[in-house]
């Protein structure tokens, strides 16, 4: 089963997305702030981090640097989950595995998670 951590400060969106993904067979955890992201990544790293671009107290550059430098997290795929107009550019700059724009089509999100999870184990 693919493990996903949704990191988004929009609680309703994160919760509804998590519920839908669980219904699709994913194991899902949700983090609503930068501290909760750190705790979740340290406790049980997911296969895929679905990361909102703009969250309070989150330094996206620092997050990517820590993840890519940590042997326990290096395999984890990161999908940027954003309503930002420059989402694709941010994804390229940070080395994200994929970018999913909000609002999103649920099947598009599930497909991106599956593709990224498969690649993370190659």
PDB file of N, CA and C in Angstrom:
ATOM      1  N   UNK A   1       0.847  -1.174   0.000  1.00  0.00           N
ATOM      2  CA  UNK A   1       0.000   0.000   0.000  1.00  0.00           C
ATOM      3  C   UNK A   1       0.898   1.245   0.000  1.00  0.00           C
ATOM      4  N   UNK A   2       0.586   2.201  -0.825  1.00  0.00           N
ATOM      5  CA  UNK A   2       1.357   3.436  -0.931  1.00  0.00           C
ATOM      6  C   UNK A   2       0.994   4.351   0.231  1.00  0.00           C
ATOM      7  N   UNK A   3       2.032   4.811   0.952  1.00  0.00           N
ATOM      8  CA  UNK A   3       1.859   5.722   2.075  1.00  0.00           C
ATOM      9  C   UNK A   3       2.053   7.156   1.586  1.00  0.00           C
ATOM     10  N   UNK A   4       1.098   8.029   1.939  1.00  0.00           N
ATOM     11  CA  UNK A   4       1.126   9.426   1.510  1.00  0.00           C
ATOM     12  C   UNK A   4       1.024  10.329   2.733  1.00  0.00           C
ATOM     13  N   UNK A   5       1.860  11.355   2.777  1.00  0.00           N
ATOM     14  CA  UNK A   5       1.724  12.415   3.768  1.00  0.00           C
ATOM     15  C   UNK A   5       1.245  13.650   3.030  1.00  0.00           C
ATOM     16  N   UNK A   6       0.065  14.140   3.411  1.00  0.00           N
ATOM     17  CA  UNK A   6      -0.461  15.388   2.850  1.00  0.00           C
ATOM     18  C   UNK A   6      -0.055  16.505   3.801  1.00  0.00           C
ATOM     19  N   UNK A   7       0.722  17.464   3.305  1.00  0.00           N
ATOM     20  CA  UNK A   7       1.160  18.606   4.100  1.00  0.00           C
ATOM     21  C   UNK A   7       0.500  19.856   3.532  1.00  0.00           C
ATOM     22  N   UNK A   8      -0.548  20.294   4.214  1.00  0.00           N
ATOM     23  CA  UNK A   8      -1.327  21.438   3.731  1.00  0.00           C
ATOM     24  C   UNK A   8      -2.007  22.101   4.920  1.00  0.00           C
ATOM     25  N   UNK A   9      -1.905  23.419   5.015  1.00  0.00           N
ATOM     26  CA  UNK A   9      -2.525  24.136   6.122  1.00  0.00           C
ATOM     27  C   UNK A   9      -4.020  24.396   5.907  1.00  0.00           C
ATOM     28  N   UNK A  10      -4.528  24.110   4.736  1.00  0.00           N
ATOM     29  CA  UNK A  10      -5.970  24.219   4.488  1.00  0.00           C
ATOM     30  C   UNK A  10      -6.617  22.923   4.973  1.00  0.00           C
ATOM     31  N   UNK A  11      -7.065  22.933   6.234  1.00  0.00           N
ATOM     32  CA  UNK A  11      -7.503  21.696   6.883  1.00  0.00           C
ATOM     33  C   UNK A  11      -8.650  20.996   6.156  1.00  0.00           C
ATOM     34  N   UNK A  12      -9.643  21.743   5.692  1.00  0.00           N
ATOM     35  CA  UNK A  12     -10.769  21.101   4.996  1.00  0.00           C
ATOM     36  C   UNK A  12     -10.310  20.411   3.719  1.00  0.00           C
ATOM     37  N   UNK A  13      -9.479  21.089   2.951  1.00  0.00           N
ATOM     38  CA  UNK A  13      -8.972  20.505   1.710  1.00  0.00           C
ATOM     39  C   UNK A  13      -8.123  19.267   2.008  1.00  0.00           C
ATOM     40  N   UNK A  14      -7.234  19.380   2.985  1.00  0.00           N
ATOM     41  CA  UNK A  14      -6.365  18.253   3.321  1.00  0.00           C
ATOM     42  C   UNK A  14      -7.182  17.058   3.804  1.00  0.00           C
ATOM     43  N   UNK A  15      -8.176  17.309   4.639  1.00  0.00           N
ATOM     44  CA  UNK A  15      -8.998  16.225   5.176  1.00  0.00           C
ATOM     45  C   UNK A  15      -9.836  15.564   4.089  1.00  0.00           C
ATOM     46  N   UNK A  16     -10.452  16.359   3.234  1.00  0.00           N
ATOM     47  CA  UNK A  16     -11.281  15.771   2.178  1.00  0.00           C
ATOM     48  C   UNK A  16     -10.414  15.013   1.167  1.00  0.00           C
ATOM     49  N   UNK A  17      -9.226  15.537   0.877  1.00  0.00           N
ATOM     50  CA  UNK A  17      -8.305  14.852  -0.035  1.00  0.00           C
ATOM     51  C   UNK A  17      -7.840  13.538   0.583  1.00  0.00           C
ATOM     52  N   UNK A  18      -7.516  13.571   1.870  1.00  0.00           N
ATOM     53  CA  UNK A  18      -7.090  12.355   2.575  1.00  0.00           C
ATOM     54  C   UNK A  18      -8.190  11.309   2.565  1.00  0.00           C
ATOM     55  N   UNK A  19      -9.417  11.724   2.836  1.00  0.00           N
ATOM     56  CA  UNK A  19     -10.544  10.774   2.838  1.00  0.00           C
ATOM     57  C   UNK A  19     -10.719  10.138   1.465  1.00  0.00           C
ATOM     58  N   UNK A  20     -10.633  10.943   0.411  1.00  0.00           N
ATOM     59  CA  UNK A  20     -10.806  10.401  -0.932  1.00  0.00           C
ATOM     60  C   UNK A  20      -9.675   9.429  -1.267  1.00  0.00           C
ATOM     61  N   UNK A  21      -8.436   9.806  -0.944  1.00  0.00           N
ATOM     62  CA  UNK A  21      -7.301   8.923  -1.239  1.00  0.00           C
ATOM     63  C   UNK A  21      -7.388   7.610  -0.463  1.00  0.00           C
ATOM     64  N   UNK A  22      -7.836   7.677   0.780  1.00  0.00           N
ATOM     65  CA  UNK A  22      -8.028   6.435   1.549  1.00  0.00           C
ATOM     66  C   UNK A  22      -9.025   5.527   0.843  1.00  0.00           C
ATOM     67  N   UNK A  23     -10.080   6.117   0.307  1.00  0.00           N
ATOM     68  CA  UNK A  23     -11.071   5.351  -0.436  1.00  0.00           C
ATOM     69  C   UNK A  23     -10.504   4.708  -1.690  1.00  0.00           C
ATOM     70  N   UNK A  24      -9.410   5.271  -2.200  1.00  0.00           N
ATOM     71  CA  UNK A  24      -8.730   4.734  -3.387  1.00  0.00           C
ATOM     72  C   UNK A  24      -7.652   3.715  -3.013  1.00  0.00           C
ATOM     73  N   UNK A  25      -7.518   3.444  -1.718  1.00  0.00           N
ATOM     74  CA  UNK A  25      -6.585   2.419  -1.282  1.00  0.00           C
ATOM     75  C   UNK A  25      -5.229   2.902  -0.797  1.00  0.00           C
ATOM     76  N   UNK A  26      -5.065   4.203  -0.633  1.00  0.00           N
ATOM     77  CA  UNK A  26      -3.806   4.743  -0.119  1.00  0.00           C
ATOM     78  C   UNK A  26      -3.856   4.803   1.401  1.00  0.00           C
ATOM     79  N   UNK A  27      -2.689   4.688   2.030  1.00  0.00           N
ATOM     80  CA  UNK A  27      -2.563   4.944   3.463  1.00  0.00           C
ATOM     81  C   UNK A  27      -2.165   6.406   3.578  1.00  0.00           C
ATOM     82  N   UNK A  28      -2.920   7.200   4.326  1.00  0.00           N
ATOM     83  CA  UNK A  28      -2.720   8.648   4.318  1.00  0.00           C
ATOM     84  C   UNK A  28      -2.610   9.212   5.726  1.00  0.00           C
ATOM     85  N   UNK A  29      -1.658  10.126   5.894  1.00  0.00           N
ATOM     86  CA  UNK A  29      -1.507  10.920   7.108  1.00  0.00           C
ATOM     87  C   UNK A  29      -1.547  12.380   6.666  1.00  0.00           C
ATOM     88  N   UNK A  30      -1.973  13.260   7.583  1.00  0.00           N
ATOM     89  CA  UNK A  30      -2.083  14.679   7.259  1.00  0.00           C
ATOM     90  C   UNK A  30      -1.276  15.492   8.263  1.00  0.00           C
ATOM     91  N   UNK A  31      -0.552  16.498   7.770  1.00  0.00           N
ATOM     92  CA  UNK A  31       0.169  17.450   8.608  1.00  0.00           C
ATOM     93  C   UNK A  31      -0.277  18.850   8.198  1.00  0.00           C
ATOM     94  N   UNK A  32      -0.673  19.661   9.182  1.00  0.00           N
ATOM     95  CA  UNK A  32      -1.193  20.995   8.876  1.00  0.00           C
ATOM     96  C   UNK A  32      -0.199  22.127   9.124  1.00  0.00           C
ATOM     97  N   UNK A  33       1.003  21.794   9.627  1.00  0.00           N
ATOM     98  CA  UNK A  33       2.013  22.838   9.835  1.00  0.00           C
ATOM     99  C   UNK A  33       3.406  22.235   9.702  1.00  0.00           C
ATOM    100  N   UNK A  34       4.403  23.127   9.635  1.00  0.00           N
ATOM    101  CA  UNK A  34       5.782  22.690   9.396  1.00  0.00           C
ATOM    102  C   UNK A  34       6.275  21.737  10.484  1.00  0.00           C
ATOM    103  N   UNK A  35       5.924  21.993  11.735  1.00  0.00           N
ATOM    104  CA  UNK A  35       6.348  21.119  12.822  1.00  0.00           C
ATOM    105  C   UNK A  35       5.780  19.719  12.677  1.00  0.00           C
ATOM    106  N   UNK A  36       4.528  19.632  12.302  1.00  0.00           N
ATOM    107  CA  UNK A  36       3.882  18.322  12.122  1.00  0.00           C
ATOM    108  C   UNK A  36       4.498  17.562  10.945  1.00  0.00           C
ATOM    109  N   UNK A  37       4.942  18.285   9.929  1.00  0.00           N
ATOM    110  CA  UNK A  37       5.614  17.639   8.794  1.00  0.00           C
ATOM    111  C   UNK A  37       6.898  16.979   9.284  1.00  0.00           C
ATOM    112  N   UNK A  38       7.709  17.740  10.034  1.00  0.00           N
ATOM    113  CA  UNK A  38       8.971  17.195  10.553  1.00  0.00           C
ATOM    114  C   UNK A  38       8.741  15.956  11.411  1.00  0.00           C
ATOM    115  N   UNK A  39       7.756  16.007  12.286  1.00  0.00           N
ATOM    116  CA  UNK A  39       7.452  14.877  13.167  1.00  0.00           C
ATOM    117  C   UNK A  39       7.037  13.661  12.344  1.00  0.00           C
ATOM    118  N   UNK A  40       6.152  13.857  11.380  1.00  0.00           N
ATOM    119  CA  UNK A  40       5.656  12.746  10.558  1.00  0.00           C
ATOM    120  C   UNK A  40       6.778  12.121   9.730  1.00  0.00           C
ATOM    121  N   UNK A  41       7.648  12.958   9.164  1.00  0.00           N
ATOM    122  CA  UNK A  41       8.745  12.427   8.354  1.00  0.00           C
ATOM    123  C   UNK A  41       9.736  11.640   9.203  1.00  0.00           C
ATOM    124  N   UNK A  42       9.954  12.085  10.429  1.00  0.00           N
ATOM    125  CA  UNK A  42      10.889  11.390  11.315  1.00  0.00           C
ATOM    126  C   UNK A  42      10.302  10.092  11.855  1.00  0.00           C
ATOM    127  N   UNK A  43       8.997  10.093  12.111  1.00  0.00           N
ATOM    128  CA  UNK A  43       8.359   8.934  12.729  1.00  0.00           C
ATOM    129  C   UNK A  43       8.205   7.770  11.760  1.00  0.00           C
ATOM    130  N   UNK A  44       7.689   8.056  10.586  1.00  0.00           N
ATOM    131  CA  UNK A  44       7.424   6.996   9.611  1.00  0.00           C
ATOM    132  C   UNK A  44       7.369   7.617   8.215  1.00  0.00           C
ATOM    133  N   UNK A  45       8.499   7.664   7.547  1.00  0.00           N
ATOM    134  CA  UNK A  45       8.542   8.328   6.243  1.00  0.00           C
ATOM    135  C   UNK A  45       7.542   7.725   5.254  1.00  0.00           C
ATOM    136  N   UNK A  46       6.820   8.585   4.552  1.00  0.00           N
ATOM    137  CA  UNK A  46       5.882   8.099   3.540  1.00  0.00           C
ATOM    138  C   UNK A  46       6.609   7.763   2.238  1.00  0.00           C
ATOM    139  N   UNK A  47       5.884   7.158   1.328  1.00  0.00           N
ATOM    140  CA  UNK A  47       6.409   6.935  -0.023  1.00  0.00           C
ATOM    141  C   UNK A  47       6.348   8.220  -0.828  1.00  0.00           C
ATOM    142  N   UNK A  48       5.291   9.010  -0.559  1.00  0.00           N
ATOM    143  CA  UNK A  48       5.047  10.253  -1.297  1.00  0.00           C
ATOM    144  C   UNK A  48       4.654  11.352  -0.319  1.00  0.00           C
ATOM    145  N   UNK A  49       5.311  12.502  -0.451  1.00  0.00           N
ATOM    146  CA  UNK A  49       4.935  13.701   0.287  1.00  0.00           C
ATOM    147  C   UNK A  49       4.178  14.596  -0.677  1.00  0.00           C
ATOM    148  N   UNK A  50       2.932  14.877  -0.359  1.00  0.00           N
ATOM    149  CA  UNK A  50       2.102  15.785  -1.147  1.00  0.00           C
ATOM    150  C   UNK A  50       2.166  17.127  -0.425  1.00  0.00           C
ATOM    151  N   UNK A  51       3.024  18.018  -0.909  1.00  0.00           N
ATOM    152  CA  UNK A  51       3.411  19.220  -0.172  1.00  0.00           C
ATOM    153  C   UNK A  51       2.815  20.488  -0.763  1.00  0.00           C
ATOM    154  N   UNK A  52       2.032  21.207   0.051  1.00  0.00           N
ATOM    155  CA  UNK A  52       1.549  22.526  -0.330  1.00  0.00           C
ATOM    156  C   UNK A  52       2.749  23.459  -0.395  1.00  0.00           C
ATOM    157  N   UNK A  53       2.748  24.377  -1.320  1.00  0.00           N
ATOM    158  CA  UNK A  53       3.880  25.264  -1.516  1.00  0.00           C
ATOM    159  C   UNK A  53       3.936  26.361  -0.462  1.00  0.00           C
ATOM    160  N   UNK A  54       2.813  26.901  -0.093  1.00  0.00           N
ATOM    161  CA  UNK A  54       2.788  28.029   0.839  1.00  0.00           C
ATOM    162  C   UNK A  54       2.093  27.621   2.138  1.00  0.00           C
ATOM    163  N   UNK A  55       2.912  27.442   3.159  1.00  0.00           N
ATOM    164  CA  UNK A  55       2.422  27.118   4.496  1.00  0.00           C
ATOM    165  C   UNK A  55       3.152  28.007   5.488  1.00  0.00           C
ATOM    166  N   UNK A  56       2.474  28.419   6.570  1.00  0.00           N
ATOM    167  CA  UNK A  56       3.162  29.230   7.586  1.00  0.00           C
ATOM    168  C   UNK A  56       4.380  28.484   8.145  1.00  0.00           C
ATOM    169  N   UNK A  57       5.453  29.216   8.353  1.00  0.00           N
ATOM    170  CA  UNK A  57       6.688  28.703   8.959  1.00  0.00           C
ATOM    171  C   UNK A  57       7.365  27.601   8.147  1.00  0.00           C
ATOM    172  N   UNK A  58       7.030  27.470   6.885  1.00  0.00           N
ATOM    173  CA  UNK A  58       7.658  26.452   6.051  1.00  0.00           C
ATOM    174  C   UNK A  58       8.624  27.115   5.083  1.00  0.00           C
ATOM    175  N   UNK A  59       9.858  26.665   5.102  1.00  0.00           N
ATOM    176  CA  UNK A  59      10.859  27.094   4.139  1.00  0.00           C
ATOM    177  C   UNK A  59      11.021  25.938   3.156  1.00  0.00           C
ATOM    178  N   UNK A  60      10.459  26.078   1.979  1.00  0.00           N
ATOM    179  CA  UNK A  60      10.452  25.002   0.996  1.00  0.00           C
ATOM    180  C   UNK A  60      11.868  24.604   0.578  1.00  0.00           C
ATOM    181  N   UNK A  61      12.758  25.586   0.433  1.00  0.00           N
ATOM    182  CA  UNK A  61      14.150  25.275   0.087  1.00  0.00           C
ATOM    183  C   UNK A  61      14.778  24.390   1.151  1.00  0.00           C
ATOM    184  N   UNK A  62      14.561  24.733   2.401  1.00  0.00           N
ATOM    185  CA  UNK A  62      15.122  23.960   3.516  1.00  0.00           C
ATOM    186  C   UNK A  62      14.534  22.553   3.564  1.00  0.00           C
ATOM    187  N   UNK A  63      13.234  22.445   3.350  1.00  0.00           N
ATOM    188  CA  UNK A  63      12.577  21.128   3.357  1.00  0.00           C
ATOM    189  C   UNK A  63      13.184  20.212   2.294  1.00  0.00           C
ATOM    190  N   UNK A  64      13.297  20.709   1.069  1.00  0.00           N
ATOM    191  CA  UNK A  64      13.866  19.898  -0.011  1.00  0.00           C
ATOM    192  C   UNK A  64      15.309  19.510   0.288  1.00  0.00           C
ATOM    193  N   UNK A  65      16.093  20.451   0.813  1.00  0.00           N
ATOM    194  CA  UNK A  65      17.501  20.164   1.116  1.00  0.00           C
ATOM    195  C   UNK A  65      17.602  19.064   2.175  1.00  0.00           C
ATOM    196  N   UNK A  66      16.791  19.148   3.221  1.00  0.00           N
ATOM    197  CA  UNK A  66      16.836  18.140   4.283  1.00  0.00           C
ATOM    198  C   UNK A  66      16.399  16.771   3.771  1.00  0.00           C
ATOM    199  N   UNK A  67      15.329  16.749   2.994  1.00  0.00           N
ATOM    200  CA  UNK A  67      14.823  15.474   2.484  1.00  0.00           C
ATOM    201  C   UNK A  67      15.855  14.817   1.569  1.00  0.00           C
ATOM    202  N   UNK A  68      16.417  15.581   0.654  1.00  0.00           N
ATOM    203  CA  UNK A  68      17.356  15.005  -0.311  1.00  0.00           C
ATOM    204  C   UNK A  68      18.676  14.579   0.335  1.00  0.00           C
ATOM    205  N   UNK A  69      19.005  15.167   1.506  1.00  0.00           N
ATOM    206  CA  UNK A  69      20.241  14.818   2.189  1.00  0.00           C
ATOM    207  C   UNK A  69      20.070  13.674   3.194  1.00  0.00           C
ATOM    208  N   UNK A  70      18.842  13.333   3.515  1.00  0.00           N
ATOM    209  CA  UNK A  70      18.563  12.319   4.539  1.00  0.00           C
ATOM    210  C   UNK A  70      18.399  10.948   3.880  1.00  0.00           C
ATOM    211  N   UNK A  71      19.263  10.014   4.231  1.00  0.00           N
ATOM    212  CA  UNK A  71      19.212   8.679   3.642  1.00  0.00           C
ATOM    213  C   UNK A  71      17.888   7.979   3.829  1.00  0.00           C
ATOM    214  N   UNK A  72      17.206   8.235   4.952  1.00  0.00           N
ATOM    215  CA  UNK A  72      15.916   7.592   5.218  1.00  0.00           C
ATOM    216  C   UNK A  72      14.784   8.194   4.397  1.00  0.00           C
ATOM    217  N   UNK A  73      14.998   9.397   3.875  1.00  0.00           N
ATOM    218  CA  UNK A  73      13.937  10.083   3.122  1.00  0.00           C
ATOM    219  C   UNK A  73      14.236  10.205   1.634  1.00  0.00           C
ATOM    220  N   UNK A  74      15.455   9.921   1.254  1.00  0.00           N
ATOM    221  CA  UNK A  74      15.886  10.153  -0.128  1.00  0.00           C
ATOM    222  C   UNK A  74      14.999   9.454  -1.156  1.00  0.00           C
ATOM    223  N   UNK A  75      14.457   8.287  -0.801  1.00  0.00           N
ATOM    224  CA  UNK A  75      13.608   7.545  -1.742  1.00  0.00           C
ATOM    225  C   UNK A  75      12.234   8.181  -1.911  1.00  0.00           C
ATOM    226  N   UNK A  76      11.834   9.028  -0.961  1.00  0.00           N
ATOM    227  CA  UNK A  76      10.484   9.590  -0.938  1.00  0.00           C
ATOM    228  C   UNK A  76      10.271  10.546  -2.118  1.00  0.00           C
ATOM    229  N   UNK A  77       9.171  10.368  -2.807  1.00  0.00           N
ATOM    230  CA  UNK A  77       8.805  11.282  -3.888  1.00  0.00           C
ATOM    231  C   UNK A  77       8.117  12.501  -3.287  1.00  0.00           C
ATOM    232  N   UNK A  78       8.325  13.656  -3.911  1.00  0.00           N
ATOM    233  CA  UNK A  78       7.664  14.882  -3.459  1.00  0.00           C
ATOM    234  C   UNK A  78       6.848  15.443  -4.608  1.00  0.00           C
ATOM    235  N   UNK A  79       5.564  15.602  -4.329  1.00  0.00           N
ATOM    236  CA  UNK A  79       4.655  16.233  -5.286  1.00  0.00           C
ATOM    237  C   UNK A  79       4.263  17.581  -4.702  1.00  0.00           C
ATOM    238  N   UNK A  80       4.531  18.649  -5.434  1.00  0.00           N
ATOM    239  CA  UNK A  80       4.063  19.959  -4.992  1.00  0.00           C
ATOM    240  C   UNK A  80       2.583  20.073  -5.323  1.00  0.00           C
ATOM    241  N   UNK A  81       1.836  20.532  -4.346  1.00  0.00           N
ATOM    242  CA  UNK A  81       0.385  20.617  -4.396  1.00  0.00           C
ATOM    243  C   UNK A  81       0.067  22.095  -4.218  1.00  0.00           C
ATOM    244  N   UNK A  82      -0.302  22.781  -5.294  1.00  0.00           N
ATOM    245  CA  UNK A  82      -0.337  24.227  -5.200  1.00  0.00           C
ATOM    246  C   UNK A  82      -1.393  24.894  -6.077  1.00  0.00           C
ATOM    247  N   UNK A  83      -1.834  26.046  -5.597  1.00  0.00           N
ATOM    248  CA  UNK A  83      -2.701  26.911  -6.396  1.00  0.00           C
ATOM    249  C   UNK A  83      -1.883  28.044  -6.996  1.00  0.00           C
ATOM    250  N   UNK A  84      -0.590  28.071  -6.705  1.00  0.00           N
ATOM    251  CA  UNK A  84       0.288  29.131  -7.199  1.00  0.00           C
ATOM    252  C   UNK A  84       0.390  29.077  -8.715  1.00  0.00           C
ATOM    253  N   UNK A  85       0.357  30.234  -9.319  1.00  0.00           N
ATOM    254  CA  UNK A  85       0.461  30.338 -10.771  1.00  0.00           C
ATOM    255  C   UNK A  85       1.802  29.792 -11.256  1.00  0.00           C
ATOM    256  N   UNK A  86       2.842  29.993 -10.452  1.00  0.00           N
ATOM    257  CA  UNK A  86       4.178  29.549 -10.839  1.00  0.00           C
ATOM    258  C   UNK A  86       4.514  28.163 -10.291  1.00  0.00           C
ATOM    259  N   UNK A  87       3.519  27.337 -10.064  1.00  0.00           N
ATOM    260  CA  UNK A  87       3.714  26.013  -9.478  1.00  0.00           C
ATOM    261  C   UNK A  87       4.674  25.139 -10.256  1.00  0.00           C
ATOM    262  N   UNK A  88       4.551  25.108 -11.553  1.00  0.00           N
ATOM    263  CA  UNK A  88       5.447  24.285 -12.380  1.00  0.00           C
ATOM    264  C   UNK A  88       6.895  24.771 -12.261  1.00  0.00           C
ATOM    265  N   UNK A  89       7.063  26.083 -12.290  1.00  0.00           N
ATOM    266  CA  UNK A  89       8.403  26.653 -12.154  1.00  0.00           C
ATOM    267  C   UNK A  89       8.994  26.313 -10.783  1.00  0.00           C
ATOM    268  N   UNK A  90       8.179  26.422  -9.743  1.00  0.00           N
ATOM    269  CA  UNK A  90       8.645  26.061  -8.396  1.00  0.00           C
ATOM    270  C   UNK A  90       9.038  24.587  -8.333  1.00  0.00           C
ATOM    271  N   UNK A  91       8.248  23.755  -8.968  1.00  0.00           N
ATOM    272  CA  UNK A  91       8.543  22.325  -8.984  1.00  0.00           C
ATOM    273  C   UNK A  91       9.877  22.031  -9.633  1.00  0.00           C
ATOM    274  N   UNK A  92      10.147  22.684 -10.743  1.00  0.00           N
ATOM    275  CA  UNK A  92      11.425  22.501 -11.437  1.00  0.00           C
ATOM    276  C   UNK A  92      12.583  23.015 -10.586  1.00  0.00           C
ATOM    277  N   UNK A  93      12.395  24.179 -10.005  1.00  0.00           N
ATOM    278  CA  UNK A  93      13.467  24.786  -9.213  1.00  0.00           C
ATOM    279  C   UNK A  93      13.845  23.928  -8.007  1.00  0.00           C
ATOM    280  N   UNK A  94      12.851  23.303  -7.390  1.00  0.00           N
ATOM    281  CA  UNK A  94      13.104  22.518  -6.179  1.00  0.00           C
ATOM    282  C   UNK A  94      13.406  21.053  -6.465  1.00  0.00           C
ATOM    283  N   UNK A  95      13.175  20.619  -7.673  1.00  0.00           N
ATOM    284  CA  UNK A  95      13.421  19.216  -7.991  1.00  0.00           C
ATOM    285  C   UNK A  95      12.288  18.306  -7.557  1.00  0.00           C
ATOM    286  N   UNK A  96      11.074  18.826  -7.589  1.00  0.00           N
ATOM    287  CA  UNK A  96       9.911  18.012  -7.247  1.00  0.00           C
ATOM    288  C   UNK A  96       9.733  16.912  -8.282  1.00  0.00           C
ATOM    289  N   UNK A  97       9.155  15.821  -7.844  1.00  0.00           N
ATOM    290  CA  UNK A  97       8.897  14.703  -8.751  1.00  0.00           C
ATOM    291  C   UNK A  97       7.691  14.967  -9.637  1.00  0.00           C
ATOM    292  N   UNK A  98       6.774  15.818  -9.149  1.00  0.00           N
ATOM    293  CA  UNK A  98       5.585  16.191  -9.926  1.00  0.00           C
ATOM    294  C   UNK A  98       4.969  17.437  -9.292  1.00  0.00           C
ATOM    295  N   UNK A  99       4.077  18.069 -10.035  1.00  0.00           N
ATOM    296  CA  UNK A  99       3.318  19.210  -9.535  1.00  0.00           C
ATOM    297  C   UNK A  99       1.859  18.956  -9.876  1.00  0.00           C
ATOM    298  N   UNK A 100       0.989  19.109  -8.887  1.00  0.00           N
ATOM    299  CA  UNK A 100      -0.452  18.992  -9.113  1.00  0.00           C
ATOM    300  C   UNK A 100      -1.063  20.324  -8.711  1.00  0.00           C
ATOM    301  N   UNK A 101      -1.769  20.949  -9.642  1.00  0.00           N
ATOM    302  CA  UNK A 101      -2.368  22.256  -9.398  1.00  0.00           C
ATOM    303  C   UNK A 101      -3.720  22.133  -8.721  1.00  0.00           C
ATOM    304  N   UNK A 102      -3.970  23.060  -7.784  1.00  0.00           N
ATOM    305  CA  UNK A 102      -5.282  23.178  -7.155  1.00  0.00           C
ATOM    306  C   UNK A 102      -6.056  24.218  -7.955  1.00  0.00           C
ATOM    307  N   UNK A 103      -7.319  24.045  -8.224  1.00  0.00           N
ATOM    308  CA  UNK A 103      -8.084  22.830  -7.950  1.00  0.00           C
ATOM    309  C   UNK A 103      -7.615  21.691  -8.848  1.00  0.00           C
ATOM    310  N   UNK A 104      -7.826  20.490  -8.394  1.00  0.00           N
ATOM    311  CA  UNK A 104      -7.305  19.320  -9.086  1.00  0.00           C
ATOM    312  C   UNK A 104      -8.420  18.330  -9.373  1.00  0.00           C
ATOM    313  N   UNK A 105      -8.159  17.491 -10.355  1.00  0.00           N
ATOM    314  CA  UNK A 105      -9.041  16.373 -10.634  1.00  0.00           C
ATOM    315  C   UNK A 105      -8.565  15.206  -9.767  1.00  0.00           C
ATOM    316  N   UNK A 106      -9.425  14.594  -8.977  1.00  0.00           N
ATOM    317  CA  UNK A 106      -8.998  13.520  -8.070  1.00  0.00           C
ATOM    318  C   UNK A 106      -8.213  12.406  -8.763  1.00  0.00           C
ATOM    319  N   UNK A 107      -8.642  11.983  -9.920  1.00  0.00           N
ATOM    320  CA  UNK A 107      -7.931  10.903 -10.617  1.00  0.00           C
ATOM    321  C   UNK A 107      -6.540  11.341 -11.053  1.00  0.00           C
ATOM    322  N   UNK A 108      -6.389  12.615 -11.441  1.00  0.00           N
ATOM    323  CA  UNK A 108      -5.074  13.140 -11.806  1.00  0.00           C
ATOM    324  C   UNK A 108      -4.123  13.055 -10.608  1.00  0.00           C
ATOM    325  N   UNK A 109      -4.627  13.416  -9.432  1.00  0.00           N
ATOM    326  CA  UNK A 109      -3.811  13.352  -8.229  1.00  0.00           C
ATOM    327  C   UNK A 109      -3.424  11.912  -7.904  1.00  0.00           C
ATOM    328  N   UNK A 110      -4.382  11.006  -7.930  1.00  0.00           N
ATOM    329  CA  UNK A 110      -4.103   9.596  -7.633  1.00  0.00           C
ATOM    330  C   UNK A 110      -3.098   9.016  -8.627  1.00  0.00           C
ATOM    331  N   UNK A 111      -3.244   9.357  -9.901  1.00  0.00           N
ATOM    332  CA  UNK A 111      -2.303   8.870 -10.916  1.00  0.00           C
ATOM    333  C   UNK A 111      -0.890   9.405 -10.665  1.00  0.00           C
ATOM    334  N   UNK A 112      -0.789  10.691 -10.313  1.00  0.00           N
ATOM    335  CA  UNK A 112       0.521  11.282 -10.036  1.00  0.00           C
ATOM    336  C   UNK A 112       1.175  10.600  -8.837  1.00  0.00           C
ATOM    337  N   UNK A 113       0.405  10.321  -7.808  1.00  0.00           N
ATOM    338  CA  UNK A 113       0.939   9.642  -6.623  1.00  0.00           C
ATOM    339  C   UNK A 113       1.432   8.257  -6.997  1.00  0.00           C
ATOM    340  N   UNK A 114       0.647   7.521  -7.746  1.00  0.00           N
ATOM    341  CA  UNK A 114       1.063   6.164  -8.142  1.00  0.00           C
ATOM    342  C   UNK A 114       2.336   6.191  -8.984  1.00  0.00           C
ATOM    343  N   UNK A 115       2.396   7.088  -9.959  1.00  0.00           N
ATOM    344  CA  UNK A 115       3.585   7.189 -10.813  1.00  0.00           C
ATOM    345  C   UNK A 115       4.821   7.543  -9.989  1.00  0.00           C
ATOM    346  N   UNK A 116       4.685   8.511  -9.111  1.00  0.00           N
ATOM    347  CA  UNK A 116       5.828   8.936  -8.309  1.00  0.00           C
ATOM    348  C   UNK A 116       6.257   7.869  -7.322  1.00  0.00           C
ATOM    349  N   UNK A 117       5.323   7.157  -6.742  1.00  0.00           N
ATOM    350  CA  UNK A 117       5.665   6.076  -5.809  1.00  0.00           C
ATOM    351  C   UNK A 117       6.406   4.963  -6.537  1.00  0.00           C
ATOM    352  N   UNK A 118       5.982   4.636  -7.752  1.00  0.00           N
ATOM    353  CA  UNK A 118       6.683   3.604  -8.533  1.00  0.00           C
ATOM    354  C   UNK A 118       8.102   4.012  -8.836  1.00  0.00           C
ATOM    355  N   UNK A 119       8.303   5.272  -9.228  1.00  0.00           N
ATOM    356  CA  UNK A 119       9.641   5.765  -9.558  1.00  0.00           C
ATOM    357  C   UNK A 119      10.547   5.840  -8.339  1.00  0.00           C
ATOM    358  N   UNK A 120       9.973   6.068  -7.161  1.00  0.00           N
ATOM    359  CA  UNK A 120      10.801   6.239  -5.973  1.00  0.00           C
ATOM    360  C   UNK A 120      11.477   4.935  -5.560  1.00  0.00           C
ATOM    361  N   UNK A 121      10.986   3.806  -6.065  1.00  0.00           N
ATOM    362  CA  UNK A 121      11.579   2.518  -5.706  1.00  0.00           C
ATOM    363  C   UNK A 121      12.451   1.924  -6.812  1.00  0.00           C
ATOM    364  N   UNK A 122      12.608   2.645  -7.893  1.00  0.00           N
ATOM    365  CA  UNK A 122      13.437   2.146  -9.001  1.00  0.00           C
ATOM    366  C   UNK A 122      14.899   2.392  -8.683  1.00  0.00           C
TER     367      UNK A 122
END
